[in-house]
Full PDB file with SEQRES, HELIX, SHEET, SSBOND, CRYST1, ORIGX, SCALE, CONECT and MASTER records, all heavy atoms in Angstrom:
SEQRES   1 A   36  ASP TYR PHE GLY CYS THR VAL ASP PHE LEU VAL GLY ARG          
SEQRES   2 A   36  ASP GLU ASP TYR ILE ARG THR ASP ILE ARG ARG GLU GLN          
SEQRES   3 A   36  PRO LEU THR GLU GLU GLU ARG ARG LEU ILE                      
HELIX    1 AA1 VAL A    7  VAL A   11  1                                   5    
HELIX    2 AA2 THR A   20  ARG A   23  1                                   4    
HELIX    3 AA3 GLU A   30  LEU A   35  1                                   6    
CRYST1    1.000    1.000    1.000  90.00  90.00  90.00 P 1           1          
ORIGX1      1.000000  0.000000  0.000000        0.00000                         
ORIGX2      0.000000  1.000000  0.000000        0.00000                         
ORIGX3      0.000000  0.000000  1.000000        0.00000                         
SCALE1      1.000000  0.000000  0.000000        0.00000                         
SCALE2      0.000000  1.000000  0.000000        0.00000                         
SCALE3      0.000000  0.000000  1.000000        0.00000                         
ATOM      1  N   ASP A   1      77.392  -5.222 -32.420  1.00  0.00           N  
ATOM      2  CA  ASP A   1      78.809  -5.264 -32.892  1.00  0.00           C  
ATOM      3  C   ASP A   1      79.739  -5.647 -31.723  1.00  0.00           C  
ATOM      4  O   ASP A   1      80.656  -6.417 -31.878  1.00  0.00           O  
ATOM      5  CB  ASP A   1      79.213  -3.996 -33.544  1.00  0.00           C  
ATOM      6  CG  ASP A   1      78.597  -3.766 -34.937  1.00  0.00           C  
ATOM      7  OD1 ASP A   1      78.050  -4.780 -35.483  1.00  0.00           O  
ATOM      8  OD2 ASP A   1      78.679  -2.681 -35.445  1.00  0.00           O  
ATOM      9  N   TYR A   2      79.550  -4.970 -30.611  1.00  0.00           N  
ATOM     10  CA  TYR A   2      80.483  -5.142 -29.474  1.00  0.00           C  
ATOM     11  C   TYR A   2      80.390  -6.554 -28.935  1.00  0.00           C  
ATOM     12  O   TYR A   2      81.343  -7.203 -28.670  1.00  0.00           O  
ATOM     13  CB  TYR A   2      80.211  -4.116 -28.352  1.00  0.00           C  
ATOM     14  CG  TYR A   2      81.184  -4.306 -27.221  1.00  0.00           C  
ATOM     15  CD1 TYR A   2      82.487  -3.848 -27.328  1.00  0.00           C  
ATOM     16  CD2 TYR A   2      80.822  -5.019 -26.114  1.00  0.00           C  
ATOM     17  CE1 TYR A   2      83.417  -4.031 -26.324  1.00  0.00           C  
ATOM     18  CE2 TYR A   2      81.736  -5.258 -25.079  1.00  0.00           C  
ATOM     19  CZ  TYR A   2      83.001  -4.774 -25.197  1.00  0.00           C  
ATOM     20  OH  TYR A   2      83.920  -4.974 -24.171  1.00  0.00           O  
ATOM     21  N   PHE A   3      79.166  -7.052 -28.766  1.00  0.00           N  
ATOM     22  CA  PHE A   3      78.968  -8.389 -28.189  1.00  0.00           C  
ATOM     23  C   PHE A   3      78.942  -9.518 -29.180  1.00  0.00           C  
ATOM     24  O   PHE A   3      78.873 -10.668 -28.819  1.00  0.00           O  
ATOM     25  CB  PHE A   3      77.692  -8.416 -27.302  1.00  0.00           C  
ATOM     26  CG  PHE A   3      77.768  -7.603 -26.036  1.00  0.00           C  
ATOM     27  CD1 PHE A   3      77.046  -6.490 -25.875  1.00  0.00           C  
ATOM     28  CD2 PHE A   3      78.680  -7.947 -25.065  1.00  0.00           C  
ATOM     29  CE1 PHE A   3      77.101  -5.690 -24.712  1.00  0.00           C  
ATOM     30  CE2 PHE A   3      78.773  -7.140 -23.881  1.00  0.00           C  
ATOM     31  CZ  PHE A   3      78.000  -6.058 -23.749  1.00  0.00           C  
ATOM     32  N   GLY A   4      79.078  -9.196 -30.471  1.00  0.00           N  
ATOM     33  CA  GLY A   4      79.154 -10.226 -31.485  1.00  0.00           C  
ATOM     34  C   GLY A   4      77.821 -10.993 -31.661  1.00  0.00           C  
ATOM     35  O   GLY A   4      77.830 -12.152 -31.931  1.00  0.00           O  
ATOM     36  N   CYS A   5      76.708 -10.302 -31.514  1.00  0.00           N  
ATOM     37  CA  CYS A   5      75.385 -10.948 -31.724  1.00  0.00           C  
ATOM     38  C   CYS A   5      74.596 -10.147 -32.731  1.00  0.00           C  
ATOM     39  O   CYS A   5      75.106  -9.217 -33.327  1.00  0.00           O  
ATOM     40  CB  CYS A   5      74.609 -10.956 -30.384  1.00  0.00           C  
ATOM     41  SG  CYS A   5      74.231  -9.314 -29.689  1.00  0.00           S  
ATOM     42  N   THR A   6      73.362 -10.535 -32.993  1.00  0.00           N  
ATOM     43  CA  THR A   6      72.570  -9.877 -33.964  1.00  0.00           C  
ATOM     44  C   THR A   6      71.645  -8.855 -33.189  1.00  0.00           C  
ATOM     45  O   THR A   6      71.350  -9.031 -31.976  1.00  0.00           O  
ATOM     46  CB  THR A   6      71.672 -10.857 -34.715  1.00  0.00           C  
ATOM     47  OG1 THR A   6      70.786 -11.513 -33.824  1.00  0.00           O  
ATOM     48  CG2 THR A   6      72.500 -11.879 -35.439  1.00  0.00           C  
ATOM     49  N   VAL A   7      71.157  -7.872 -33.931  1.00  0.00           N  
ATOM     50  CA  VAL A   7      70.150  -6.973 -33.398  1.00  0.00           C  
ATOM     51  C   VAL A   7      68.901  -7.776 -33.125  1.00  0.00           C  
ATOM     52  O   VAL A   7      68.205  -7.572 -32.136  1.00  0.00           O  
ATOM     53  CB  VAL A   7      69.943  -5.794 -34.341  1.00  0.00           C  
ATOM     54  CG1 VAL A   7      68.736  -4.917 -33.905  1.00  0.00           C  
ATOM     55  CG2 VAL A   7      71.123  -4.888 -34.527  1.00  0.00           C  
ATOM     56  N   ASP A   8      68.570  -8.705 -34.014  1.00  0.00           N  
ATOM     57  CA  ASP A   8      67.376  -9.571 -33.787  1.00  0.00           C  
ATOM     58  C   ASP A   8      67.456 -10.270 -32.416  1.00  0.00           C  
ATOM     59  O   ASP A   8      66.420 -10.447 -31.729  1.00  0.00           O  
ATOM     60  CB  ASP A   8      67.233 -10.607 -34.899  1.00  0.00           C  
ATOM     61  CG  ASP A   8      66.598  -9.994 -36.156  1.00  0.00           C  
ATOM     62  OD1 ASP A   8      66.142  -8.842 -36.101  1.00  0.00           O  
ATOM     63  OD2 ASP A   8      66.594 -10.700 -37.221  1.00  0.00           O  
ATOM     64  N   PHE A   9      68.625 -10.750 -32.069  1.00  0.00           N  
ATOM     65  CA  PHE A   9      68.816 -11.351 -30.751  1.00  0.00           C  
ATOM     66  C   PHE A   9      68.499 -10.403 -29.612  1.00  0.00           C  
ATOM     67  O   PHE A   9      67.775 -10.701 -28.667  1.00  0.00           O  
ATOM     68  CB  PHE A   9      70.176 -11.936 -30.573  1.00  0.00           C  
ATOM     69  CG  PHE A   9      70.519 -12.375 -29.204  1.00  0.00           C  
ATOM     70  CD1 PHE A   9      70.064 -13.584 -28.730  1.00  0.00           C  
ATOM     71  CD2 PHE A   9      71.277 -11.599 -28.345  1.00  0.00           C  
ATOM     72  CE1 PHE A   9      70.355 -14.030 -27.416  1.00  0.00           C  
ATOM     73  CE2 PHE A   9      71.538 -12.008 -26.991  1.00  0.00           C  
ATOM     74  CZ  PHE A   9      71.052 -13.243 -26.595  1.00  0.00           C  
ATOM     75  N   LEU A  10      69.002  -9.166 -29.762  1.00  0.00           N  
ATOM     76  CA  LEU A  10      68.797  -8.127 -28.736  1.00  0.00           C  
ATOM     77  C   LEU A  10      67.334  -7.818 -28.547  1.00  0.00           C  
ATOM     78  O   LEU A  10      66.881  -7.556 -27.460  1.00  0.00           O  
ATOM     79  CB  LEU A  10      69.624  -6.882 -29.024  1.00  0.00           C  
ATOM     80  CG  LEU A  10      71.144  -7.024 -28.973  1.00  0.00           C  
ATOM     81  CD1 LEU A  10      71.818  -5.795 -29.416  1.00  0.00           C  
ATOM     82  CD2 LEU A  10      71.607  -7.496 -27.640  1.00  0.00           C  
ATOM     83  N   VAL A  11      66.634  -7.698 -29.645  1.00  0.00           N  
ATOM     84  CA  VAL A  11      65.225  -7.303 -29.547  1.00  0.00           C  
ATOM     85  C   VAL A  11      64.245  -8.470 -29.400  1.00  0.00           C  
ATOM     86  O   VAL A  11      62.997  -8.312 -29.384  1.00  0.00           O  
ATOM     87  CB  VAL A  11      64.768  -6.458 -30.775  1.00  0.00           C  
ATOM     88  CG1 VAL A  11      65.643  -5.136 -30.839  1.00  0.00           C  
ATOM     89  CG2 VAL A  11      64.825  -7.169 -32.067  1.00  0.00           C  
ATOM     90  N   GLY A  12      64.779  -9.684 -29.330  1.00  0.00           N  
ATOM     91  CA  GLY A  12      63.952 -10.868 -28.999  1.00  0.00           C  
ATOM     92  C   GLY A  12      63.341 -11.539 -30.223  1.00  0.00           C  
ATOM     93  O   GLY A  12      62.510 -12.409 -30.106  1.00  0.00           O  
ATOM     94  N   ARG A  13      63.796 -11.207 -31.425  1.00  0.00           N  
ATOM     95  CA  ARG A  13      63.277 -11.849 -32.624  1.00  0.00           C  
ATOM     96  C   ARG A  13      64.030 -13.123 -32.918  1.00  0.00           C  
ATOM     97  O   ARG A  13      63.525 -13.942 -33.739  1.00  0.00           O  
ATOM     98  CB  ARG A  13      63.409 -10.897 -33.838  1.00  0.00           C  
ATOM     99  CG  ARG A  13      62.479  -9.668 -33.767  1.00  0.00           C  
ATOM    100  CD  ARG A  13      62.460  -8.959 -35.073  1.00  0.00           C  
ATOM    101  NE  ARG A  13      62.157  -9.871 -36.091  1.00  0.00           N  
ATOM    102  CZ  ARG A  13      62.249  -9.583 -37.414  1.00  0.00           C  
ATOM    103  NH1 ARG A  13      62.704  -8.413 -37.743  1.00  0.00           N  
ATOM    104  NH2 ARG A  13      61.923 -10.487 -38.302  1.00  0.00           N  
ATOM    105  N   ASP A  14      65.140 -13.364 -32.313  1.00  0.00           N  
ATOM    106  CA  ASP A  14      65.973 -14.501 -32.590  1.00  0.00           C  
ATOM    107  C   ASP A  14      66.633 -14.927 -31.259  1.00  0.00           C  
ATOM    108  O   ASP A  14      67.270 -14.085 -30.636  1.00  0.00           O  
ATOM    109  CB  ASP A  14      66.989 -14.205 -33.665  1.00  0.00           C  
ATOM    110  CG  ASP A  14      67.792 -15.371 -34.133  1.00  0.00           C  
ATOM    111  OD1 ASP A  14      67.651 -16.499 -33.530  1.00  0.00           O  
ATOM    112  OD2 ASP A  14      68.613 -15.276 -35.043  1.00  0.00           O  
ATOM    113  N   GLU A  15      66.437 -16.126 -30.929  1.00  0.00           N  
ATOM    114  CA  GLU A  15      67.049 -16.593 -29.645  1.00  0.00           C  
ATOM    115  C   GLU A  15      68.483 -17.047 -29.833  1.00  0.00           C  
ATOM    116  O   GLU A  15      69.131 -17.379 -28.884  1.00  0.00           O  
ATOM    117  CB  GLU A  15      66.188 -17.678 -29.032  1.00  0.00           C  
ATOM    118  CG  GLU A  15      64.891 -17.182 -28.444  1.00  0.00           C  
ATOM    119  CD  GLU A  15      65.076 -16.022 -27.484  1.00  0.00           C  
ATOM    120  OE1 GLU A  15      65.915 -16.113 -26.538  1.00  0.00           O  
ATOM    121  OE2 GLU A  15      64.384 -14.963 -27.631  1.00  0.00           O  
ATOM    122  N   ASP A  16      68.961 -17.151 -31.079  1.00  0.00           N  
ATOM    123  CA  ASP A  16      70.317 -17.535 -31.315  1.00  0.00           C  
ATOM    124  C   ASP A  16      71.239 -16.330 -31.211  1.00  0.00           C  
ATOM    125  O   ASP A  16      71.109 -15.389 -31.934  1.00  0.00           O  
ATOM    126  CB  ASP A  16      70.400 -18.174 -32.774  1.00  0.00           C  
ATOM    127  CG  ASP A  16      71.732 -18.945 -32.975  1.00  0.00           C  
ATOM    128  OD1 ASP A  16      72.599 -18.920 -32.090  1.00  0.00           O  
ATOM    129  OD2 ASP A  16      71.889 -19.530 -34.035  1.00  0.00           O  
ATOM    130  N   TYR A  17      72.183 -16.444 -30.321  1.00  0.00           N  
ATOM    131  CA  TYR A  17      73.076 -15.328 -29.957  1.00  0.00           C  
ATOM    132  C   TYR A  17      74.069 -15.033 -31.095  1.00  0.00           C  
ATOM    133  O   TYR A  17      74.492 -13.898 -31.313  1.00  0.00           O  
ATOM    134  CB  TYR A  17      73.864 -15.729 -28.704  1.00  0.00           C  
ATOM    135  CG  TYR A  17      74.926 -14.742 -28.277  1.00  0.00           C  
ATOM    136  CD1 TYR A  17      74.604 -13.680 -27.485  1.00  0.00           C  
ATOM    137  CD2 TYR A  17      76.236 -14.934 -28.662  1.00  0.00           C  
ATOM    138  CE1 TYR A  17      75.513 -12.757 -27.092  1.00  0.00           C  
ATOM    139  CE2 TYR A  17      77.242 -14.023 -28.299  1.00  0.00           C  
ATOM    140  CZ  TYR A  17      76.860 -12.943 -27.459  1.00  0.00           C  
ATOM    141  OH  TYR A  17      77.842 -12.060 -27.069  1.00  0.00           O  
ATOM    142  N   ILE A  18      74.494 -16.061 -31.811  1.00  0.00           N  
ATOM    143  CA  ILE A  18      75.612 -15.878 -32.752  1.00  0.00           C  
ATOM    144  C   ILE A  18      75.184 -15.122 -34.038  1.00  0.00           C  
ATOM    145  O   ILE A  18      74.120 -15.331 -34.546  1.00  0.00           O  
ATOM    146  CB  ILE A  18      76.150 -17.277 -33.165  1.00  0.00           C  
ATOM    147  CG1 ILE A  18      76.564 -18.045 -31.915  1.00  0.00           C  
ATOM    148  CG2 ILE A  18      77.329 -17.145 -34.130  1.00  0.00           C  
ATOM    149  CD1 ILE A  18      77.611 -17.335 -31.037  1.00  0.00           C  
ATOM    150  N   ARG A  19      76.073 -14.257 -34.483  1.00  0.00           N  
ATOM    151  CA  ARG A  19      75.833 -13.411 -35.702  1.00  0.00           C  
ATOM    152  C   ARG A  19      75.803 -14.381 -36.875  1.00  0.00           C  
ATOM    153  O   ARG A  19      76.425 -15.399 -36.970  1.00  0.00           O  
ATOM    154  CB  ARG A  19      76.947 -12.464 -35.915  1.00  0.00           C  
ATOM    155  CG  ARG A  19      76.870 -11.248 -35.037  1.00  0.00           C  
ATOM    156  CD  ARG A  19      77.768 -10.183 -35.431  1.00  0.00           C  
ATOM    157  NE  ARG A  19      78.732 -10.391 -36.430  1.00  0.00           N  
ATOM    158  CZ  ARG A  19      80.000 -10.004 -36.355  1.00  0.00           C  
ATOM    159  NH1 ARG A  19      80.391  -9.250 -35.387  1.00  0.00           N  
ATOM    160  NH2 ARG A  19      80.807 -10.218 -37.363  1.00  0.00           N  
ATOM    161  N   THR A  20      74.969 -14.009 -37.896  1.00  0.00           N  
ATOM    162  CA  THR A  20      74.783 -14.809 -39.067  1.00  0.00           C  
ATOM    163  C   THR A  20      76.076 -15.112 -39.784  1.00  0.00           C  
ATOM    164  O   THR A  20      76.275 -16.249 -40.266  1.00  0.00           O  
ATOM    165  CB  THR A  20      73.777 -14.115 -40.008  1.00  0.00           C  
ATOM    166  OG1 THR A  20      72.564 -13.846 -39.308  1.00  0.00           O  
ATOM    167  CG2 THR A  20      73.455 -14.978 -41.211  1.00  0.00           C  
ATOM    168  N   ASP A  21      76.925 -14.109 -39.960  1.00  0.00           N  
ATOM    169  CA  ASP A  21      78.174 -14.356 -40.719  1.00  0.00           C  
ATOM    170  C   ASP A  21      79.065 -15.395 -40.036  1.00  0.00           C  
ATOM    171  O   ASP A  21      79.725 -16.135 -40.712  1.00  0.00           O  
ATOM    172  CB  ASP A  21      78.938 -13.052 -40.926  1.00  0.00           C  
ATOM    173  CG  ASP A  21      79.334 -12.305 -39.657  1.00  0.00           C  
ATOM    174  OD1 ASP A  21      78.639 -12.506 -38.639  1.00  0.00           O  
ATOM    175  OD2 ASP A  21      80.365 -11.609 -39.678  1.00  0.00           O  
ATOM    176  N   ILE A  22      79.000 -15.509 -38.701  1.00  0.00           N  
ATOM    177  CA  ILE A  22      79.743 -16.513 -37.996  1.00  0.00           C  
ATOM    178  C   ILE A  22      78.968 -17.856 -38.138  1.00  0.00           C  
ATOM    179  O   ILE A  22      79.633 -18.865 -38.259  1.00  0.00           O  
ATOM    180  CB  ILE A  22      79.950 -16.115 -36.540  1.00  0.00           C  
ATOM    181  CG1 ILE A  22      80.796 -14.828 -36.446  1.00  0.00           C  
ATOM    182  CG2 ILE A  22      80.574 -17.215 -35.728  1.00  0.00           C  
ATOM    183  CD1 ILE A  22      80.818 -14.221 -35.065  1.00  0.00           C  
ATOM    184  N   ARG A  23      77.755 -17.816 -37.998  1.00  0.00           N  
ATOM    185  CA  ARG A  23      76.914 -19.026 -38.064  1.00  0.00           C  
ATOM    186  C   ARG A  23      77.096 -19.826 -39.320  1.00  0.00           C  
ATOM    187  O   ARG A  23      76.985 -20.999 -39.266  1.00  0.00           O  
ATOM    188  CB  ARG A  23      75.438 -18.612 -37.845  1.00  0.00           C  
ATOM    189  CG  ARG A  23      74.535 -19.741 -37.397  1.00  0.00           C  
ATOM    190  CD  ARG A  23      73.085 -19.337 -37.258  1.00  0.00           C  
ATOM    191  NE  ARG A  23      72.929 -18.116 -36.483  1.00  0.00           N  
ATOM    192  CZ  ARG A  23      71.998 -17.193 -36.773  1.00  0.00           C  
ATOM    193  NH1 ARG A  23      71.144 -17.343 -37.754  1.00  0.00           N  
ATOM    194  NH2 ARG A  23      71.887 -16.105 -36.029  1.00  0.00           N  
ATOM    195  N   ARG A  24      77.322 -19.156 -40.445  1.00  0.00           N  
ATOM    196  CA  ARG A  24      77.436 -19.866 -41.705  1.00  0.00           C  
ATOM    197  C   ARG A  24      78.595 -20.788 -41.709  1.00  0.00           C  
ATOM    198  O   ARG A  24      78.584 -21.844 -42.308  1.00  0.00           O  
ATOM    199  CB  ARG A  24      77.628 -18.856 -42.832  1.00  0.00           C  
ATOM    200  CG  ARG A  24      76.346 -18.268 -43.258  1.00  0.00           C  
ATOM    201  CD  ARG A  24      76.508 -17.428 -44.521  1.00  0.00           C  
ATOM    202  NE  ARG A  24      75.602 -16.338 -44.482  1.00  0.00           N  
ATOM    203  CZ  ARG A  24      75.944 -15.069 -44.649  1.00  0.00           C  
ATOM    204  NH1 ARG A  24      77.149 -14.737 -44.901  1.00  0.00           N  
ATOM    205  NH2 ARG A  24      75.042 -14.117 -44.517  1.00  0.00           N  
ATOM    206  N   GLU A  25      79.725 -20.421 -41.045  1.00  0.00           N  
ATOM    207  CA  GLU A  25      80.917 -21.213 -41.063  1.00  0.00           C  
ATOM    208  C   GLU A  25      80.672 -22.537 -40.288  1.00  0.00           C  
ATOM    209  O   GLU A  25      80.818 -23.633 -40.831  1.00  0.00           O  
ATOM    210  CB  GLU A  25      82.087 -20.491 -40.498  1.00  0.00           C  
ATOM    211  CG  GLU A  25      82.504 -19.303 -41.354  1.00  0.00           C  
ATOM    212  CD  GLU A  25      83.624 -18.574 -40.757  1.00  0.00           C  
ATOM    213  OE1 GLU A  25      84.341 -19.047 -39.875  1.00  0.00           O  
ATOM    214  OE2 GLU A  25      83.820 -17.450 -41.192  1.00  0.00           O  
ATOM    215  N   GLN A  26      80.362 -22.427 -39.037  1.00  0.00           N  
ATOM    216  CA  GLN A  26      80.092 -23.580 -38.160  1.00  0.00           C  
ATOM    217  C   GLN A  26      79.518 -23.089 -36.840  1.00  0.00           C  
ATOM    218  O   GLN A  26      80.157 -22.221 -36.204  1.00  0.00           O  
ATOM    219  CB  GLN A  26      81.406 -24.380 -37.969  1.00  0.00           C  
ATOM    220  CG  GLN A  26      81.198 -25.575 -37.086  1.00  0.00           C  
ATOM    221  CD  GLN A  26      82.525 -26.352 -36.880  1.00  0.00           C  
ATOM    222  OE1 GLN A  26      83.581 -25.929 -37.374  1.00  0.00           O  
ATOM    223  NE2 GLN A  26      82.466 -27.445 -36.168  1.00  0.00           N  
ATOM    224  N   PRO A  27      78.426 -23.622 -36.434  1.00  0.00           N  
ATOM    225  CA  PRO A  27      77.831 -23.117 -35.166  1.00  0.00           C  
ATOM    226  C   PRO A  27      78.762 -23.377 -33.979  1.00  0.00           C  
ATOM    227  O   PRO A  27      79.487 -24.401 -33.970  1.00  0.00           O  
ATOM    228  CB  PRO A  27      76.546 -23.988 -35.049  1.00  0.00           C  
ATOM    229  CG  PRO A  27      76.299 -24.539 -36.368  1.00  0.00           C  
ATOM    230  CD  PRO A  27      77.654 -24.662 -37.094  1.00  0.00           C  
ATOM    231  N   LEU A  28      78.807 -22.471 -33.050  1.00  0.00           N  
ATOM    232  CA  LEU A  28      79.543 -22.713 -31.852  1.00  0.00           C  
ATOM    233  C   LEU A  28      78.816 -23.619 -30.898  1.00  0.00           C  
ATOM    234  O   LEU A  28      77.624 -23.583 -30.754  1.00  0.00           O  
ATOM    235  CB  LEU A  28      79.786 -21.321 -31.140  1.00  0.00           C  
ATOM    236  CG  LEU A  28      80.633 -20.278 -31.845  1.00  0.00           C  
ATOM    237  CD1 LEU A  28      80.647 -19.038 -31.035  1.00  0.00           C  
ATOM    238  CD2 LEU A  28      82.038 -20.832 -32.144  1.00  0.00           C  
ATOM    239  N   THR A  29      79.659 -24.443 -30.214  1.00  0.00           N  
ATOM    240  CA  THR A  29      79.094 -25.265 -29.201  1.00  0.00           C  
ATOM    241  C   THR A  29      78.845 -24.459 -27.929  1.00  0.00           C  
ATOM    242  O   THR A  29      79.375 -23.317 -27.826  1.00  0.00           O  
ATOM    243  CB  THR A  29      80.076 -26.434 -28.818  1.00  0.00           C  
ATOM    244  OG1 THR A  29      81.248 -25.913 -28.249  1.00  0.00           O  
ATOM    245  CG2 THR A  29      80.402 -27.231 -30.027  1.00  0.00           C  
ATOM    246  N   GLU A  30      78.152 -25.010 -26.955  1.00  0.00           N  
ATOM    247  CA  GLU A  30      77.931 -24.275 -25.718  1.00  0.00           C  
ATOM    248  C   GLU A  30      79.244 -24.006 -24.989  1.00  0.00           C  
ATOM    249  O   GLU A  30      79.497 -22.956 -24.433  1.00  0.00           O  
ATOM    250  CB  GLU A  30      76.963 -25.018 -24.786  1.00  0.00           C  
ATOM    251  CG  GLU A  30      76.571 -24.284 -23.520  1.00  0.00           C  
ATOM    252  CD  GLU A  30      75.896 -22.980 -23.800  1.00  0.00           C  
ATOM    253  OE1 GLU A  30      75.172 -22.841 -24.805  1.00  0.00           O  
ATOM    254  OE2 GLU A  30      76.134 -22.051 -23.020  1.00  0.00           O  
ATOM    255  N   GLU A  31      80.170 -24.943 -25.064  1.00  0.00           N  
ATOM    256  CA  GLU A  31      81.500 -24.785 -24.429  1.00  0.00           C  
ATOM    257  C   GLU A  31      82.256 -23.684 -25.118  1.00  0.00           C  
ATOM    258  O   GLU A  31      82.911 -22.883 -24.442  1.00  0.00           O  
ATOM    259  CB  GLU A  31      82.268 -26.109 -24.550  1.00  0.00           C  
ATOM    260  CG  GLU A  31      83.638 -26.087 -23.841  1.00  0.00           C  
ATOM    261  CD  GLU A  31      84.311 -27.412 -23.872  1.00  0.00           C  
ATOM    262  OE1 GLU A  31      84.291 -28.037 -24.978  1.00  0.00           O  
ATOM    263  OE2 GLU A  31      84.877 -27.807 -22.828  1.00  0.00           O  
ATOM    264  N   GLU A  32      82.177 -23.556 -26.416  1.00  0.00           N  
ATOM    265  CA  GLU A  32      82.841 -22.460 -27.141  1.00  0.00           C  
ATOM    266  C   GLU A  32      82.222 -21.083 -26.772  1.00  0.00           C  
ATOM    267  O   GLU A  32      82.952 -20.163 -26.578  1.00  0.00           O  
ATOM    268  CB  GLU A  32      82.773 -22.680 -28.692  1.00  0.00           C  
ATOM    269  CG  GLU A  32      83.644 -23.848 -29.094  1.00  0.00           C  
ATOM    270  CD  GLU A  32      83.341 -24.255 -30.566  1.00  0.00           C  
ATOM    271  OE1 GLU A  32      82.164 -24.195 -30.978  1.00  0.00           O  
ATOM    272  OE2 GLU A  32      84.294 -24.686 -31.225  1.00  0.00           O  
ATOM    273  N   ARG A  33      80.948 -21.067 -26.584  1.00  0.00           N  
ATOM    274  CA  ARG A  33      80.235 -19.799 -26.190  1.00  0.00           C  
ATOM    275  C   ARG A  33      80.710 -19.414 -24.822  1.00  0.00           C  
ATOM    276  O   ARG A  33      81.023 -18.246 -24.559  1.00  0.00           O  
ATOM    277  CB  ARG A  33      78.743 -19.996 -26.209  1.00  0.00           C  
ATOM    278  CG  ARG A  33      78.175 -20.082 -27.571  1.00  0.00           C  
ATOM    279  CD  ARG A  33      76.700 -20.291 -27.480  1.00  0.00           C  
ATOM    280  NE  ARG A  33      76.141 -20.655 -28.761  1.00  0.00           N  
ATOM    281  CZ  ARG A  33      74.981 -20.366 -29.235  1.00  0.00           C  
ATOM    282  NH1 ARG A  33      74.145 -19.654 -28.506  1.00  0.00           N  
ATOM    283  NH2 ARG A  33      74.599 -20.716 -30.403  1.00  0.00           N  
ATOM    284  N   ARG A  34      80.827 -20.328 -23.912  1.00  0.00           N  
ATOM    285  CA  ARG A  34      81.298 -20.034 -22.549  1.00  0.00           C  
ATOM    286  C   ARG A  34      82.745 -19.504 -22.595  1.00  0.00           C  
ATOM    287  O   ARG A  34      83.118 -18.634 -21.826  1.00  0.00           O  
ATOM    288  CB  ARG A  34      81.200 -21.270 -21.656  1.00  0.00           C  
ATOM    289  CG  ARG A  34      79.780 -21.571 -21.207  1.00  0.00           C  
ATOM    290  CD  ARG A  34      79.792 -22.694 -20.194  1.00  0.00           C  
ATOM    291  NE  ARG A  34      80.558 -23.819 -20.801  1.00  0.00           N  
ATOM    292  CZ  ARG A  34      80.726 -24.954 -20.289  1.00  0.00           C  
ATOM    293  NH1 ARG A  34      80.273 -25.252 -19.104  1.00  0.00           N  
ATOM    294  NH2 ARG A  34      81.448 -25.894 -20.880  1.00  0.00           N  
ATOM    295  N   LEU A  35      83.558 -20.135 -23.442  1.00  0.00           N  
ATOM    296  CA  LEU A  35      84.955 -19.729 -23.601  1.00  0.00           C  
ATOM    297  C   LEU A  35      85.032 -18.259 -24.069  1.00  0.00           C  
ATOM    298  O   LEU A  35      85.813 -17.457 -23.583  1.00  0.00           O  
ATOM    299  CB  LEU A  35      85.685 -20.651 -24.563  1.00  0.00           C  
ATOM    300  CG  LEU A  35      87.152 -20.348 -24.733  1.00  0.00           C  
ATOM    301  CD1 LEU A  35      87.936 -20.492 -23.391  1.00  0.00           C  
ATOM    302  CD2 LEU A  35      87.763 -21.338 -25.742  1.00  0.00           C  
ATOM    303  N   ILE A  36      84.171 -17.913 -25.013  1.00  0.00           N  
ATOM    304  CA  ILE A  36      84.166 -16.500 -25.492  1.00  0.00           C  
ATOM    305  C   ILE A  36      83.727 -15.571 -24.387  1.00  0.00           C  
ATOM    306  O   ILE A  36      84.399 -14.511 -24.194  1.00  0.00           O  
ATOM    307  CB  ILE A  36      83.160 -16.415 -26.667  1.00  0.00           C  
ATOM    308  CG1 ILE A  36      83.767 -17.083 -27.893  1.00  0.00           C  
ATOM    309  CG2 ILE A  36      82.904 -14.931 -27.025  1.00  0.00           C  
ATOM    310  CD1 ILE A  36      82.761 -17.319 -29.042  1.00  0.00           C  
TER     311      ILE A  36                                                      
MASTER        0    0    0    3    0    0    0    6  310    1    0    3          
END                                                                             
């Protein structure tokens, strides 16, 4: 919740950092991730 990622990302089940609810709208670019 604090870092805006999934638990699956933290435990290594998913390499995508972005939470699912955010991912549905539009994936972030690498530049947007760096900005965050």
